[in-house]
Structure formats: structure tokens, C-alpha cells
């Protein structure tokens, strides 16, 4: 009986894994942009862009923590 549901569970787990990987990639990209790209900007643009990046980073980390704490 359980063998009937295994392909569906596998698909759900693959979808969750893809989402987790995509979130991790975005976090790495945000860190790279924060430390490598923003120092080259003028002062006011740098401050504005870093504020935006901090908000995005906070959001992605909350998603990641929710995923880790609720599905495992």
C-alpha cells in the first residue's frame, strides 16, 4: 500500500530540495553583492543598496530557518 504513495512523496521531497537549493544560492549571491559590488558604489547609493540587501537577506534567512525547523 505504501508503495503507491512513494512516487508522490519523492516528488514533494525533490521540490522542497530544489527550493532549499535556490534559497541557498540567493543567499550566497546576496553576500557576494554586499561585500564585492556595493563598496564600489557612491556613499548614498551604497547605503541604500545595503539596506535593501539586508532586508532581502533577513527574509531569505527566515525562510531557510522555517524550512529547517518545520520539515526536519
C-alpha atoms as a PDB file:
ATOM      1  CA  UNK A   1       0.000   0.000   0.000  1.00  0.00           C
ATOM      2  CA  UNK A   2       2.764   2.444   0.844  1.00  0.00           C
ATOM      3  CA  UNK A   3       4.482   1.750  -2.475  1.00  0.00           C
ATOM      4  CA  UNK A   4       1.616   3.549  -4.199  1.00  0.00           C
ATOM      5  CA  UNK A   5       2.451   6.845  -2.440  1.00  0.00           C
ATOM      6  CA  UNK A   6       6.253   6.722  -2.670  1.00  0.00           C
ATOM      7  CA  UNK A   7       6.497   8.412  -6.110  1.00  0.00           C
ATOM      8  CA  UNK A   8       4.378  11.319  -4.856  1.00  0.00           C
ATOM      9  CA  UNK A   9       6.416  11.696  -1.676  1.00  0.00           C
ATOM     10  CA  UNK A  10       9.579  11.592  -3.766  1.00  0.00           C
ATOM     11  CA  UNK A  11       8.287  14.389  -5.993  1.00  0.00           C
ATOM     12  CA  UNK A  12       7.395  16.519  -2.968  1.00  0.00           C
ATOM     13  CA  UNK A  13      10.830  15.966  -1.418  1.00  0.00           C
ATOM     14  CA  UNK A  14      12.537  16.867  -4.700  1.00  0.00           C
ATOM     15  CA  UNK A  15      10.511  20.072  -4.910  1.00  0.00           C
ATOM     16  CA  UNK A  16      11.459  21.002  -1.335  1.00  0.00           C
ATOM     17  CA  UNK A  17      15.124  20.278  -2.049  1.00  0.00           C
ATOM     18  CA  UNK A  18      15.061  22.451  -5.188  1.00  0.00           C
ATOM     19  CA  UNK A  19      13.537  25.313  -3.222  1.00  0.00           C
ATOM     20  CA  UNK A  20      16.138  24.953  -0.482  1.00  0.00           C
ATOM     21  CA  UNK A  21      18.973  24.951  -3.024  1.00  0.00           C
ATOM     22  CA  UNK A  22      17.568  28.013  -4.774  1.00  0.00           C
ATOM     23  CA  UNK A  23      17.275  29.854  -1.455  1.00  0.00           C
ATOM     24  CA  UNK A  24      20.881  28.965  -0.572  1.00  0.00           C
ATOM     25  CA  UNK A  25      22.076  30.199  -3.984  1.00  0.00           C
ATOM     26  CA  UNK A  26      20.275  33.506  -3.484  1.00  0.00           C
ATOM     27  CA  UNK A  27      21.840  33.912  -0.032  1.00  0.00           C
ATOM     28  CA  UNK A  28      25.317  33.352  -1.481  1.00  0.00           C
ATOM     29  CA  UNK A  29      24.599  35.853  -4.270  1.00  0.00           C
ATOM     30  CA  UNK A  30      23.386  38.476  -1.763  1.00  0.00           C
ATOM     31  CA  UNK A  31      26.534  38.065   0.325  1.00  0.00           C
ATOM     32  CA  UNK A  32      28.699  38.395  -2.777  1.00  0.00           C
ATOM     33  CA  UNK A  33      26.916  41.533  -3.893  1.00  0.00           C
ATOM     34  CA  UNK A  34      27.065  43.029  -0.393  1.00  0.00           C
ATOM     35  CA  UNK A  35      30.812  42.569   0.007  1.00  0.00           C
ATOM     36  CA  UNK A  36      32.070  42.851  -3.581  1.00  0.00           C
ATOM     37  CA  UNK A  37      29.721  45.127  -5.530  1.00  0.00           C
ATOM     38  CA  UNK A  38      28.397  47.686  -3.053  1.00  0.00           C
ATOM     39  CA  UNK A  39      31.802  49.035  -1.915  1.00  0.00           C
ATOM     40  CA  UNK A  40      32.261  50.351  -5.473  1.00  0.00           C
ATOM     41  CA  UNK A  41      29.106  52.488  -5.297  1.00  0.00           C
ATOM     42  CA  UNK A  42      28.926  56.113  -4.162  1.00  0.00           C
ATOM     43  CA  UNK A  43      28.151  56.648  -0.477  1.00  0.00           C
ATOM     44  CA  UNK A  44      24.394  57.302  -0.661  1.00  0.00           C
ATOM     45  CA  UNK A  45      23.728  54.576  -3.217  1.00  0.00           C
ATOM     46  CA  UNK A  46      25.845  52.161  -1.192  1.00  0.00           C
ATOM     47  CA  UNK A  47      23.834  52.861   1.956  1.00  0.00           C
ATOM     48  CA  UNK A  48      20.523  52.442   0.107  1.00  0.00           C
ATOM     49  CA  UNK A  49      21.584  49.232  -1.637  1.00  0.00           C
ATOM     50  CA  UNK A  50      22.976  47.684   1.555  1.00  0.00           C
ATOM     51  CA  UNK A  51      19.707  48.440   3.334  1.00  0.00           C
ATOM     52  CA  UNK A  52      17.807  46.639   0.546  1.00  0.00           C
ATOM     53  CA  UNK A  53      20.223  43.701   0.632  1.00  0.00           C
ATOM     54  CA  UNK A  54      19.897  43.413   4.419  1.00  0.00           C
ATOM     55  CA  UNK A  55      16.113  43.194   4.082  1.00  0.00           C
ATOM     56  CA  UNK A  56      16.335  40.533   1.386  1.00  0.00           C
ATOM     57  CA  UNK A  57      18.917  38.588   3.401  1.00  0.00           C
ATOM     58  CA  UNK A  58      16.753  38.696   6.507  1.00  0.00           C
ATOM     59  CA  UNK A  59      13.751  37.438   4.535  1.00  0.00           C
ATOM     60  CA  UNK A  60      15.687  34.582   2.930  1.00  0.00           C
ATOM     61  CA  UNK A  61      17.209  33.524   6.249  1.00  0.00           C
ATOM     62  CA  UNK A  62      13.764  33.447   7.861  1.00  0.00           C
ATOM     63  CA  UNK A  63      12.530  31.226   5.014  1.00  0.00           C
ATOM     64  CA  UNK A  64      15.557  28.974   5.421  1.00  0.00           C
ATOM     65  CA  UNK A  65      15.077  28.717   9.197  1.00  0.00           C
ATOM     66  CA  UNK A  66      11.370  27.969   8.749  1.00  0.00           C
ATOM     67  CA  UNK A  67      12.230  25.234   6.254  1.00  0.00           C
ATOM     68  CA  UNK A  68      14.843  23.683   8.549  1.00  0.00           C
ATOM     69  CA  UNK A  69      12.678  23.824  11.657  1.00  0.00           C
ATOM     70  CA  UNK A  70       9.388  22.676  10.172  1.00  0.00           C
ATOM     71  CA  UNK A  71      10.293  19.887   7.752  1.00  0.00           C
ATOM     72  CA  UNK A  72      13.097  18.080   9.622  1.00  0.00           C
END
